[in-house]
Amino acid sequence: MMERLLSAEETARYLGIKKGTLYVWARSGKIPSVKIGTRLLFDVRDLDELIERQKRAPLSHTTDDD
């Protein structure tokens, strides 16, 4: 079972971005974060919601036969 809260390193890997980008996003509010003590953590549920919001609908392709 995956942990609910991920470290910055784990989150960056999960999203396929650099850790520096992750910190910029967290600081600007683009991505929610949780501060516990000195650790900045990220809820995997929030990450999955972010991914879903970023999805684009596939383009419909028409052919000359239509």
N, C-alpha and C. Protein backbone atom coordinates (compact mmCIF):
# COMPACT_ATOMS: atom_id res chain seq x y z
N MET A 1 0.85 -1.19 0.00
CA MET A 1 0.00 0.00 0.00
C MET A 1 0.88 1.24 0.00
N MET A 2 0.54 2.22 -0.83
CA MET A 2 1.31 3.44 -0.92
C MET A 2 1.01 4.35 0.27
N GLU A 3 2.03 5.01 0.74
CA GLU A 3 1.84 5.98 1.82
C GLU A 3 1.01 7.15 1.30
N ARG A 4 0.20 7.72 2.16
CA ARG A 4 -0.63 8.85 1.73
C ARG A 4 0.19 10.12 1.56
N LEU A 5 1.12 10.38 2.47
CA LEU A 5 1.95 11.58 2.38
C LEU A 5 3.31 11.23 1.80
N LEU A 6 3.72 11.98 0.79
CA LEU A 6 4.99 11.74 0.13
C LEU A 6 5.95 12.88 0.41
N SER A 7 7.23 12.55 0.45
CA SER A 7 8.26 13.57 0.60
C SER A 7 8.37 14.36 -0.70
N ALA A 8 9.12 15.44 -0.67
CA ALA A 8 9.31 16.25 -1.87
C ALA A 8 9.99 15.43 -2.96
N GLU A 9 10.97 14.66 -2.60
CA GLU A 9 11.67 13.82 -3.57
C GLU A 9 10.72 12.79 -4.20
N GLU A 10 9.94 12.13 -3.37
CA GLU A 10 8.97 11.14 -3.87
C GLU A 10 7.92 11.80 -4.75
N THR A 11 7.47 12.99 -4.34
CA THR A 11 6.45 13.71 -5.11
C THR A 11 6.98 14.14 -6.46
N ALA A 12 8.18 14.67 -6.49
CA ALA A 12 8.78 15.09 -7.76
C ALA A 12 8.89 13.89 -8.70
N ARG A 13 9.30 12.77 -8.18
CA ARG A 13 9.40 11.55 -8.99
C ARG A 13 8.01 11.11 -9.46
N TYR A 14 7.02 11.17 -8.58
CA TYR A 14 5.65 10.78 -8.90
C TYR A 14 5.08 11.61 -10.04
N LEU A 15 5.38 12.92 -10.02
CA LEU A 15 4.86 13.83 -11.03
C LEU A 15 5.77 13.95 -12.25
N GLY A 16 7.00 13.45 -12.14
CA GLY A 16 7.94 13.54 -13.25
C GLY A 16 8.48 14.95 -13.46
N ILE A 17 8.67 15.68 -12.35
CA ILE A 17 9.19 17.04 -12.42
C ILE A 17 10.42 17.16 -11.52
N LYS A 18 11.14 18.26 -11.66
CA LYS A 18 12.30 18.50 -10.80
C LYS A 18 11.82 18.97 -9.43
N LYS A 19 12.64 18.67 -8.43
CA LYS A 19 12.28 19.04 -7.07
C LYS A 19 12.17 20.56 -6.92
N GLY A 20 13.01 21.31 -7.61
CA GLY A 20 12.94 22.77 -7.57
C GLY A 20 11.60 23.29 -8.10
N THR A 21 11.11 22.67 -9.17
CA THR A 21 9.81 23.04 -9.72
C THR A 21 8.71 22.76 -8.70
N LEU A 22 8.81 21.64 -8.03
CA LEU A 22 7.83 21.27 -7.01
C LEU A 22 7.77 22.32 -5.91
N TYR A 23 8.94 22.78 -5.43
CA TYR A 23 8.96 23.80 -4.39
C TYR A 23 8.35 25.11 -4.87
N VAL A 24 8.60 25.48 -6.12
CA VAL A 24 8.01 26.69 -6.67
C VAL A 24 6.49 26.56 -6.71
N TRP A 25 6.01 25.41 -7.18
CA TRP A 25 4.57 25.16 -7.23
C TRP A 25 3.95 25.21 -5.84
N ALA A 26 4.61 24.61 -4.86
CA ALA A 26 4.09 24.59 -3.49
C ALA A 26 4.05 26.01 -2.92
N ARG A 27 5.10 26.77 -3.15
CA ARG A 27 5.17 28.13 -2.63
C ARG A 27 4.11 29.03 -3.26
N SER A 28 3.82 28.81 -4.55
CA SER A 28 2.85 29.65 -5.26
C SER A 28 1.40 29.19 -5.05
N GLY A 29 1.22 28.01 -4.42
CA GLY A 29 -0.12 27.50 -4.18
C GLY A 29 -0.68 26.67 -5.32
N LYS A 30 0.14 26.40 -6.33
CA LYS A 30 -0.33 25.58 -7.46
C LYS A 30 -0.59 24.14 -7.03
N ILE A 31 0.13 23.72 -6.00
CA ILE A 31 -0.02 22.36 -5.49
C ILE A 31 -0.11 22.42 -3.96
N PRO A 32 -1.10 21.76 -3.36
CA PRO A 32 -1.23 21.78 -1.90
C PRO A 32 -0.09 21.00 -1.23
N SER A 33 0.31 21.47 -0.09
CA SER A 33 1.35 20.77 0.68
C SER A 33 0.98 20.78 2.16
N VAL A 34 1.65 19.91 2.90
CA VAL A 34 1.43 19.78 4.33
C VAL A 34 2.78 19.95 5.01
N LYS A 35 2.86 20.86 5.95
CA LYS A 35 4.11 21.06 6.68
C LYS A 35 3.98 20.39 8.04
N ILE A 36 4.81 19.40 8.28
CA ILE A 36 4.83 18.71 9.57
C ILE A 36 6.25 18.87 10.11
N GLY A 37 6.36 19.67 11.15
CA GLY A 37 7.69 20.00 11.66
C GLY A 37 8.42 20.80 10.60
N THR A 38 9.59 20.31 10.20
CA THR A 38 10.36 20.99 9.16
C THR A 38 10.16 20.34 7.79
N ARG A 39 9.37 19.27 7.76
CA ARG A 39 9.18 18.53 6.51
C ARG A 39 7.99 19.05 5.71
N LEU A 40 8.21 19.22 4.42
CA LEU A 40 7.14 19.58 3.50
C LEU A 40 6.70 18.30 2.81
N LEU A 41 5.43 17.94 3.01
CA LEU A 41 4.90 16.68 2.48
C LEU A 41 3.73 16.96 1.55
N PHE A 42 3.42 15.97 0.73
CA PHE A 42 2.38 16.13 -0.28
C PHE A 42 1.46 14.93 -0.23
N ASP A 43 0.16 15.21 -0.21
CA ASP A 43 -0.87 14.18 -0.12
C ASP A 43 -1.08 13.58 -1.51
N VAL A 44 -0.93 12.29 -1.63
CA VAL A 44 -1.05 11.62 -2.92
C VAL A 44 -2.44 11.84 -3.52
N ARG A 45 -3.46 12.01 -2.70
CA ARG A 45 -4.81 12.29 -3.21
C ARG A 45 -4.85 13.64 -3.93
N ASP A 46 -4.17 14.64 -3.35
CA ASP A 46 -4.10 15.95 -4.00
C ASP A 46 -3.33 15.85 -5.31
N LEU A 47 -2.29 15.05 -5.34
CA LEU A 47 -1.50 14.88 -6.56
C LEU A 47 -2.34 14.26 -7.66
N ASP A 48 -3.11 13.24 -7.29
CA ASP A 48 -3.96 12.58 -8.29
C ASP A 48 -5.03 13.54 -8.81
N GLU A 49 -5.57 14.39 -7.94
CA GLU A 49 -6.56 15.39 -8.37
C GLU A 49 -5.91 16.39 -9.32
N LEU A 50 -4.69 16.81 -9.01
CA LEU A 50 -3.96 17.74 -9.87
C LEU A 50 -3.77 17.12 -11.26
N ILE A 51 -3.39 15.87 -11.29
CA ILE A 51 -3.20 15.17 -12.56
C ILE A 51 -4.51 15.12 -13.34
N GLU A 52 -5.60 14.79 -12.67
CA GLU A 52 -6.90 14.72 -13.35
C GLU A 52 -7.31 16.07 -13.92
N ARG A 53 -7.05 17.15 -13.19
CA ARG A 53 -7.41 18.49 -13.66
C ARG A 53 -6.58 18.91 -14.88
N GLN A 54 -5.38 18.36 -15.00
CA GLN A 54 -4.49 18.74 -16.09
C GLN A 54 -4.74 17.95 -17.37
N LYS A 55 -5.53 16.90 -17.28
CA LYS A 55 -5.80 16.08 -18.46
C LYS A 55 -6.57 16.87 -19.50
N ARG A 56 -6.23 16.60 -20.74
CA ARG A 56 -6.93 17.23 -21.86
C ARG A 56 -7.73 16.17 -22.59
N ALA A 57 -8.87 16.58 -23.10
CA ALA A 57 -9.69 15.65 -23.88
C ALA A 57 -8.97 15.37 -25.19
N PRO A 58 -9.07 14.15 -25.69
CA PRO A 58 -8.43 13.84 -26.96
C PRO A 58 -9.07 14.63 -28.09
N LEU A 59 -8.25 15.00 -29.04
CA LEU A 59 -8.76 15.72 -30.21
C LEU A 59 -9.51 14.74 -31.09
N SER A 60 -10.64 15.18 -31.62
CA SER A 60 -11.37 14.31 -32.53
C SER A 60 -10.82 14.57 -33.93
N HIS A 61 -10.50 13.50 -34.60
CA HIS A 61 -9.96 13.61 -35.94
C HIS A 61 -11.05 13.26 -36.94
N THR A 62 -11.21 14.11 -37.92
CA THR A 62 -12.17 13.81 -38.98
C THR A 62 -11.42 13.46 -40.23
N THR A 63 -12.03 12.66 -41.04
CA THR A 63 -11.41 12.27 -42.30
C THR A 63 -12.19 12.92 -43.44
N ASP A 64 -11.62 12.91 -44.60
CA ASP A 64 -12.29 13.48 -45.77
C ASP A 64 -13.52 12.67 -46.15
N ASP A 65 -13.63 11.42 -45.66
CA ASP A 65 -14.75 10.57 -45.99
C ASP A 65 -16.02 10.94 -45.23
N ASP A 66 -15.91 11.79 -44.21
CA ASP A 66 -17.08 12.14 -43.39
C ASP A 66 -18.01 13.08 -44.10
